[in-house]
């Protein structure tokens, strides 16, 4: 048995010994590799949610601009506002849950700017030929805390999708 009582002796004897090199290399490379892998997964998840949110908003806008209405589970005709909200929620339901309070539907002015108090106003799908906007907000929560806390203290990011459209000249009498 060798005497390694002093660090100098230990390093001198084992400096050219390859035993354990693989474990040290794995230890040094594993953490950055896992960080990179989880970051790629996280950003994929983030953009997946972003794309789904934009798609759902677009689908809600498409039914809104033609003045369409759908029926609820009991077969009763829904209002245009409820139809838009339901369409957005259904198109996003396979990836996320959107609360009705996070969906705003309102009329925009001639300058296409959002009116005062649009965030708290009741949904209004407007009349034929009105210029309208649908805004959907969503709080995306990251899966890994390390990546999430790079963006905010609570590990989430706020997403917003919006679409502006002009209502077609649909027949108001056909609505419920």
Protein backbone atom coordinates (compact mmCIF):
# COMPACT_ATOMS: atom_id res chain seq x y z
CA UNK A 1 0.00 0.00 0.00
CA UNK A 2 1.33 3.38 -1.00
CA UNK A 3 1.72 6.30 1.35
CA UNK A 4 -0.23 9.34 0.13
CA UNK A 5 0.07 11.37 3.29
CA UNK A 6 0.87 14.58 1.48
CA UNK A 7 -1.19 16.02 -1.40
CA UNK A 8 1.97 16.59 -3.46
CA UNK A 9 2.84 12.93 -3.34
CA UNK A 10 -0.73 11.94 -4.23
CA UNK A 11 -0.89 14.18 -7.30
CA UNK A 12 2.60 13.25 -8.44
CA UNK A 13 1.79 9.55 -8.33
CA UNK A 14 -1.68 9.80 -9.92
CA UNK A 15 -1.24 12.60 -12.42
CA UNK A 16 -0.78 10.24 -15.36
CA UNK A 17 -3.20 7.59 -14.09
CA UNK A 18 -6.28 7.47 -16.43
CA UNK A 19 -8.54 5.72 -13.89
CA UNK A 20 -11.62 7.84 -13.11
CA UNK A 21 -11.17 10.25 -16.02
CA UNK A 22 -14.40 9.12 -17.64
CA UNK A 23 -16.40 9.73 -14.46
CA UNK A 24 -14.96 13.23 -14.09
CA UNK A 25 -15.67 14.04 -17.74
CA UNK A 26 -19.26 12.80 -17.41
CA UNK A 27 -19.68 14.82 -14.23
CA UNK A 28 -18.44 17.98 -15.92
CA UNK A 29 -20.49 17.55 -19.10
CA UNK A 30 -23.72 16.06 -17.77
CA UNK A 31 -25.04 19.20 -16.05
CA UNK A 32 -24.60 21.53 -19.07
CA UNK A 33 -26.02 18.83 -21.37
CA UNK A 34 -29.12 18.36 -19.19
CA UNK A 35 -29.57 22.13 -18.93
CA UNK A 36 -29.40 22.44 -22.72
CA UNK A 37 -31.79 19.52 -23.21
CA UNK A 38 -34.36 20.86 -20.74
CA UNK A 39 -34.09 24.35 -22.27
CA UNK A 40 -34.81 22.98 -25.74
CA UNK A 41 -37.82 21.08 -24.36
CA UNK A 42 -39.05 24.15 -22.44
CA UNK A 43 -38.87 26.47 -25.42
CA UNK A 44 -40.62 23.88 -27.56
CA UNK A 45 -43.40 23.71 -24.96
CA UNK A 46 -43.57 27.52 -24.81
CA UNK A 47 -43.85 27.94 -28.59
CA UNK A 48 -46.36 25.09 -28.77
CA UNK A 49 -48.57 26.99 -26.32
CA UNK A 50 -48.00 30.25 -28.18
CA UNK A 51 -48.98 28.70 -31.51
CA UNK A 52 -52.05 27.00 -30.01
CA UNK A 53 -53.16 30.28 -28.43
CA UNK A 54 -52.83 32.13 -31.72
CA UNK A 55 -54.68 29.38 -33.60
CA UNK A 56 -57.56 29.34 -31.09
CA UNK A 57 -57.85 33.13 -31.26
CA UNK A 58 -57.89 33.01 -35.04
CA UNK A 59 -60.64 30.38 -35.04
CA UNK A 60 -62.70 32.45 -32.60
CA UNK A 61 -62.27 35.45 -34.88
CA UNK A 62 -63.34 33.44 -37.94
CA UNK A 63 -66.69 32.51 -36.42
CA UNK A 64 -67.14 36.03 -35.07
CA UNK A 65 -66.73 37.89 -38.35
CA UNK A 66 -69.53 35.99 -40.09
CA UNK A 67 -71.94 36.54 -37.19
CA UNK A 68 -72.09 32.83 -36.42
CA UNK A 69 -73.67 31.33 -33.33
CA UNK A 70 -73.52 27.81 -31.95
CA UNK A 71 -75.63 25.82 -29.53
CA UNK A 72 -74.79 24.85 -25.98
CA UNK A 73 -74.90 21.28 -24.66
CA UNK A 74 -78.71 21.45 -24.24
CA UNK A 75 -79.24 22.63 -27.84
CA UNK A 76 -80.04 26.24 -26.96
CA UNK A 77 -78.60 28.95 -29.18
CA UNK A 78 -75.76 30.87 -27.51
CA UNK A 79 -74.99 34.58 -27.87
CA UNK A 80 -72.29 35.61 -30.35
CA UNK A 81 -69.96 36.51 -27.48
CA UNK A 82 -70.43 33.11 -25.81
CA UNK A 83 -69.97 31.40 -29.19
CA UNK A 84 -66.62 33.16 -29.70
CA UNK A 85 -65.45 32.29 -26.18
CA UNK A 86 -66.56 28.65 -26.56
CA UNK A 87 -64.81 28.35 -29.95
CA UNK A 88 -61.56 29.72 -28.53
CA UNK A 89 -61.70 27.41 -25.50
CA UNK A 90 -62.48 24.33 -27.61
CA UNK A 91 -59.67 25.01 -30.08
CA UNK A 92 -57.17 25.45 -27.25
CA UNK A 93 -58.51 22.72 -24.95
CA UNK A 94 -56.16 19.98 -26.15
CA UNK A 95 -53.14 22.00 -25.00
CA UNK A 96 -54.27 24.51 -22.38
CA UNK A 97 -57.20 25.78 -20.35
CA UNK A 98 -58.30 29.34 -21.08
CA UNK A 99 -60.59 31.05 -18.60
CA UNK A 100 -63.49 33.08 -20.06
CA UNK A 101 -62.25 36.10 -18.08
CA UNK A 102 -59.00 36.03 -20.09
CA UNK A 103 -60.87 36.61 -23.37
CA UNK A 104 -61.78 40.16 -24.38
CA UNK A 105 -64.02 40.99 -27.35
CA UNK A 106 -64.53 44.65 -28.13
CA UNK A 107 -65.07 47.24 -30.85
CA UNK A 108 -62.05 49.24 -32.00
CA UNK A 109 -62.21 52.83 -33.19
CA UNK A 110 -61.26 54.32 -36.54
CA UNK A 111 -57.60 54.48 -35.49
CA UNK A 112 -57.60 50.73 -34.58
CA UNK A 113 -56.52 51.47 -31.01
CA UNK A 114 -57.98 49.70 -28.02
CA UNK A 115 -60.69 51.79 -26.29
CA UNK A 116 -60.41 52.89 -22.68
CA UNK A 117 -61.24 50.13 -20.19
CA UNK A 118 -61.32 47.30 -22.72
CA UNK A 119 -59.67 44.92 -20.22
CA UNK A 120 -62.63 45.03 -17.83
CA UNK A 121 -65.50 45.64 -20.27
CA UNK A 122 -68.09 42.95 -20.92
CA UNK A 123 -67.56 41.06 -24.20
CA UNK A 124 -69.21 42.82 -27.14
CA UNK A 125 -69.18 41.17 -30.57
CA UNK A 126 -70.47 44.33 -32.27
CA UNK A 127 -72.84 44.85 -35.19
CA UNK A 128 -72.45 44.19 -38.91
CA UNK A 129 -69.57 46.16 -40.51
CA UNK A 130 -68.00 47.04 -37.11
CA UNK A 131 -64.25 46.69 -36.64
CA UNK A 132 -63.63 44.33 -33.74
CA UNK A 133 -60.75 42.82 -31.81
CA UNK A 134 -60.41 39.58 -29.87
CA UNK A 135 -57.64 39.45 -27.25
CA UNK A 136 -56.78 36.27 -25.37
CA UNK A 137 -54.36 36.20 -22.42
CA UNK A 138 -52.72 33.10 -21.00
CA UNK A 139 -50.21 32.51 -18.18
CA UNK A 140 -47.72 29.91 -19.38
CA UNK A 141 -46.03 27.97 -16.57
CA UNK A 142 -42.65 26.47 -17.35
CA UNK A 143 -42.11 22.83 -16.47
CA UNK A 144 -38.62 23.13 -15.00
CA UNK A 145 -38.12 25.72 -12.27
CA UNK A 146 -34.62 26.70 -13.38
CA UNK A 147 -35.69 27.79 -16.87
CA UNK A 148 -38.92 29.36 -15.60
CA UNK A 149 -37.14 31.52 -13.06
CA UNK A 150 -34.95 32.96 -15.80
CA UNK A 151 -38.09 34.73 -17.07
CA UNK A 152 -39.97 35.64 -13.91
CA UNK A 153 -39.94 35.12 -10.16
CA UNK A 154 -42.94 32.79 -10.22
CA UNK A 155 -41.72 30.70 -13.17
CA UNK A 156 -44.39 31.80 -15.65
CA UNK A 157 -44.64 33.96 -18.75
CA UNK A 158 -47.61 35.98 -19.92
CA UNK A 159 -48.82 35.29 -23.46
CA UNK A 160 -51.24 37.35 -25.51
CA UNK A 161 -52.81 36.59 -28.88
CA UNK A 162 -55.06 39.04 -30.65
CA UNK A 163 -56.91 39.35 -33.91
CA UNK A 164 -58.63 42.34 -35.49
CA UNK A 165 -61.42 41.86 -38.00
CA UNK A 166 -64.39 43.56 -39.63
CA UNK A 167 -67.79 41.98 -39.12
CA UNK A 168 -69.43 40.95 -42.37
CA UNK A 169 -72.86 42.25 -43.27
CA UNK A 170 -74.69 39.32 -41.69
CA UNK A 171 -78.42 39.28 -40.98
CA UNK A 172 -79.06 40.26 -37.37
CA UNK A 173 -82.51 38.58 -37.40
CA UNK A 174 -80.92 35.11 -37.71
CA UNK A 175 -79.15 35.44 -34.37
CA UNK A 176 -80.60 34.01 -31.19
